[in-house]
C-alpha atoms as a PDB file:
ATOM      1  CA  SER A   1     -74.678  59.227  -3.955  1.00  0.00           C
ATOM      2  CA  PRO A   2     -71.958  56.528  -3.987  1.00  0.00           C
ATOM      3  CA  ALA A   3     -74.228  53.882  -2.418  1.00  0.00           C
ATOM      4  CA  VAL A   4     -76.811  54.263  -5.197  1.00  0.00           C
ATOM      5  CA  ARG A   5     -74.103  54.109  -7.874  1.00  0.00           C
ATOM      6  CA  GLY A   6     -72.724  50.943  -6.280  1.00  0.00           C
ATOM      7  CA  GLN A   7     -76.152  49.287  -6.330  1.00  0.00           C
ATOM      8  CA  HIS A   8     -76.699  50.465  -9.891  1.00  0.00           C
ATOM      9  CA  SER A   9     -73.412  48.974 -11.075  1.00  0.00           C
ATOM     10  CA  LYS A  10     -74.207  45.685  -9.284  1.00  0.00           C
ATOM     11  CA  LEU A  11     -77.554  45.569 -11.073  1.00  0.00           C
ATOM     12  CA  LEU A  12     -75.898  46.189 -14.433  1.00  0.00           C
ATOM     13  CA  LYS A  13     -73.345  43.423 -13.821  1.00  0.00           C
ATOM     14  CA  PHE A  14     -76.146  41.042 -12.816  1.00  0.00           C
ATOM     15  CA  CYS A  15     -78.164  41.855 -15.946  1.00  0.00           C
ATOM     16  CA  ARG A  16     -75.146  41.409 -18.186  1.00  0.00           C
ATOM     17  CA  ARG A  17     -74.449  37.990 -16.663  1.00  0.00           C
ATOM     18  CA  LYS A  18     -78.060  36.835 -16.867  1.00  0.00           C
ATOM     19  CA  PHE A  19     -78.827  38.107 -20.349  1.00  0.00           C
ATOM     20  CA  SER A  20     -75.477  37.385 -21.951  1.00  0.00           C
ATOM     21  CA  ASN A  21     -76.953  34.089 -23.246  1.00  0.00           C
ATOM     22  CA  PHE A  22     -78.611  36.066 -26.032  1.00  0.00           C
ATOM     23  CA  GLN A  23     -75.174  36.903 -27.380  1.00  0.00           C
ATOM     24  CA  ASN A  24     -74.184  33.215 -27.481  1.00  0.00           C
ATOM     25  CA  PRO A  25     -74.005  32.001 -31.124  1.00  0.00           C
ATOM     26  CA  GLU A  26     -75.234  28.512 -30.182  1.00  0.00           C
ATOM     27  CA  LYS A  27     -78.364  29.959 -28.602  1.00  0.00           C
ATOM     28  CA  LYS A  28     -78.864  32.192 -31.594  1.00  0.00           C
ATOM     29  CA  SER A  29     -78.780  29.225 -33.968  1.00  0.00           C
ATOM     30  CA  ILE A  30     -81.452  27.478 -31.881  1.00  0.00           C
ATOM     31  CA  GLN A  31     -83.559  30.621 -32.006  1.00  0.00           C
ATOM     32  CA  ASP A  32     -83.044  30.842 -35.762  1.00  0.00           C
ATOM     33  CA  ALA A  33     -84.024  27.193 -36.205  1.00  0.00           C
ATOM     34  CA  ILE A  34     -87.221  27.673 -34.202  1.00  0.00           C
ATOM     35  CA  TYR A  35     -88.028  30.766 -36.212  1.00  0.00           C
ATOM     36  CA  ASN A  36     -87.334  29.058 -39.554  1.00  0.00           C
ATOM     37  CA  VAL A  37     -89.404  25.983 -38.693  1.00  0.00           C
ATOM     38  CA  PHE A  38     -92.405  27.474 -36.891  1.00  0.00           C
ATOM     39  CA  MET A  39     -92.637  31.202 -37.592  1.00  0.00           C
ATOM     40  CA  ARG A  40     -91.385  31.907 -41.086  1.00  0.00           C
ATOM     41  CA  SER A  41     -94.720  31.300 -42.795  1.00  0.00           C
ATOM     42  CA  ASN A  42     -98.039  32.634 -41.531  1.00  0.00           C
ATOM     43  CA  VAL A  43     -99.791  29.345 -42.371  1.00  0.00           C
ATOM     44  CA  VAL A  44     -97.225  27.255 -40.490  1.00  0.00           C
ATOM     45  CA  TYR A  45     -97.297  29.616 -37.512  1.00  0.00           C
ATOM     46  CA  SER A  46    -101.103  29.538 -37.325  1.00  0.00           C
ATOM     47  CA  THR A  47    -101.148  25.750 -37.620  1.00  0.00           C
ATOM     48  CA  THR A  48     -98.534  25.480 -34.873  1.00  0.00           C
ATOM     49  CA  VAL A  49    -100.490  27.762 -32.567  1.00  0.00           C
ATOM     50  CA  ILE A  50    -103.745  25.840 -33.118  1.00  0.00           C
ATOM     51  CA  THR A  51    -102.050  22.443 -32.718  1.00  0.00           C
ATOM     52  CA  VAL A  52    -100.283  23.477 -29.523  1.00  0.00           C
ATOM     53  CA  ALA A  53    -103.532  24.939 -28.180  1.00  0.00           C
ATOM     54  CA  ILE A  54    -105.476  21.725 -28.845  1.00  0.00           C
ATOM     55  CA  PHE A  55    -102.889  19.305 -27.485  1.00  0.00           C
ATOM     56  CA  GLY A  56    -101.958  21.633 -24.650  1.00  0.00           C
ATOM     57  CA  GLY A  57    -105.611  21.832 -23.647  1.00  0.00           C
ATOM     58  CA  LEU A  58    -105.965  18.055 -23.741  1.00  0.00           C
ATOM     59  CA  ALA A  59    -102.814  17.595 -21.656  1.00  0.00           C
ATOM     60  CA  TYR A  60    -103.927  20.264 -19.167  1.00  0.00           C
ATOM     61  CA  ASP A  61    -107.342  18.646 -18.857  1.00  0.00           C
ATOM     62  CA  SER A  62    -106.010  15.136 -18.325  1.00  0.00           C
ATOM     63  CA  VAL A  63    -103.423  16.242 -15.735  1.00  0.00           C
ATOM     64  CA  PHE A  64    -105.894  18.200 -13.640  1.00  0.00           C
ATOM     65  CA  GLU A  65    -108.622  15.565 -14.037  1.00  0.00           C
ATOM     66  CA  SER A  66    -106.264  12.917 -12.638  1.00  0.00           C
ATOM     67  CA  LEU A  67    -105.170  15.243  -9.810  1.00  0.00           C
ATOM     68  CA  TRP A  68    -108.841  15.893  -8.992  1.00  0.00           C
ATOM     69  CA  LYS A  69    -109.594  12.149  -8.898  1.00  0.00           C
ATOM     70  CA  ILE A  70    -106.550  11.455  -6.706  1.00  0.00           C
ATOM     71  CA  ASN A  71    -107.426  14.207  -4.226  1.00  0.00           C
ATOM     72  CA  ASN A  72    -111.137  13.255  -4.070  1.00  0.00           C
ATOM     73  CA  LYS A  73    -110.849   9.481  -4.073  1.00  0.00           C
ATOM     74  CA  GLY A  74    -113.858   7.928  -2.329  1.00  0.00           C
ATOM     75  CA  LYS A  75    -115.979  11.074  -2.695  1.00  0.00           C
ATOM     76  CA  LEU A  76    -116.688  10.960  -6.423  1.00  0.00           C
ATOM     77  CA  PHE A  77    -119.974   9.764  -7.933  1.00  0.00           C
ATOM     78  CA  GLU A  78    -118.352   6.734  -9.548  1.00  0.00           C
ATOM     79  CA  ASP A  79    -116.862   5.739  -6.170  1.00  0.00           C
ATOM     80  CA  VAL A  80    -119.990   6.320  -4.054  1.00  0.00           C
ATOM     81  CA  ILE A  81    -122.710   4.698  -6.195  1.00  0.00           C
ATOM     82  CA  PRO A  82    -121.321   1.109  -6.101  1.00  0.00           C
ATOM     83  CA  GLN A  83    -121.030   1.408  -2.291  1.00  0.00           C
ATOM     84  CA  LYS A  84    -124.582   2.737  -1.765  1.00  0.00           C
ATOM     85  CA  PHE A  85    -126.209   0.445  -4.329  1.00  0.00           C
ATOM     86  CA  PRO A  86    -124.110  -2.734  -4.618  1.00  0.00           C
ATOM     87  CA  ASN A  87    -126.831  -4.713  -6.454  1.00  0.00           C
ATOM     88  CA  PRO A  88    -128.339  -2.523  -9.176  1.00  0.00           C
ATOM     89  CA  PRO A  89    -131.698  -3.558 -10.662  1.00  0.00           C
ATOM     90  CA  GLU A  90    -131.674  -5.794 -13.698  1.00  0.00           C
ATOM     91  CA  GLY A  91    -131.120  -3.896 -16.931  1.00  0.00           C
ATOM     92  CA  THR A  92    -129.216  -1.005 -15.318  1.00  0.00           C
ATOM     93  CA  GLY A  93    -125.744  -2.550 -15.163  1.00  0.00           C
ATOM     94  CA  PRO A  94    -122.852  -0.922 -16.993  1.00  0.00           C
ATOM     95  CA  ASP A  95    -122.284  -3.857 -19.389  1.00  0.00           C
ATOM     96  CA  GLU A  96    -125.862  -4.233 -20.498  1.00  0.00           C
ATOM     97  CA  GLU A  97    -126.798  -2.403 -23.684  1.00  0.00           C
ATOM     98  CA  GLU A  98    -130.191  -0.960 -24.439  1.00  0.00           C
ATOM     99  CA  GLU A  99    -132.059  -2.509 -27.318  1.00  0.00           C
ATOM    100  CA  ASP A 100    -133.531  -0.056 -29.782  1.00  0.00           C
ATOM    101  CA  ASP A 101    -137.242  -0.434 -30.313  1.00  0.00           C
ATOM    102  CA  ASP A 102    -138.508   0.285 -33.799  1.00  0.00           C
ATOM    103  CA  ASP A 103    -141.931   1.377 -32.541  1.00  0.00           C
ATOM    104  CA  ASP A 104    -141.458   4.962 -33.681  1.00  0.00           C
ATOM    105  CA  ASP A 105    -140.940   4.097 -37.352  1.00  0.00           C
ATOM    106  CA  ASP A 106    -143.747   5.525 -39.474  1.00  0.00           C
ATOM    107  CA  ASP A 107    -142.576   3.705 -42.605  1.00  0.00           C
ATOM    108  CA  ASP A 108    -144.613   0.597 -41.830  1.00  0.00           C
ATOM    109  CA  ASP A 109    -147.991   2.208 -42.652  1.00  0.00           C
ATOM    110  CA  GLU A 110    -148.461   0.160 -45.806  1.00  0.00           C
END
């Protein structure tokens, strides 16, 4: 039917406009550069994938951790404990370090 053909031709024109960037020589040179730098060698490609995965995971974690802290401000453990217990017992403060006792050394048997 003519209505279907009209819609079909509109879709084709839309696709040609949207995906004509792939024919652009400037875009192709960028694609070639990315391929030559990151994907030409299997070792380089694997290293790139692992590096992006590690740093991407760290970035993802830090972004969502900060969003979580912003959205739950005042409800988190680190926010509630100083309010409930403003004067902690001696020896339990955050700046006090534990001293290691050497009572468990068995080398002093002589």
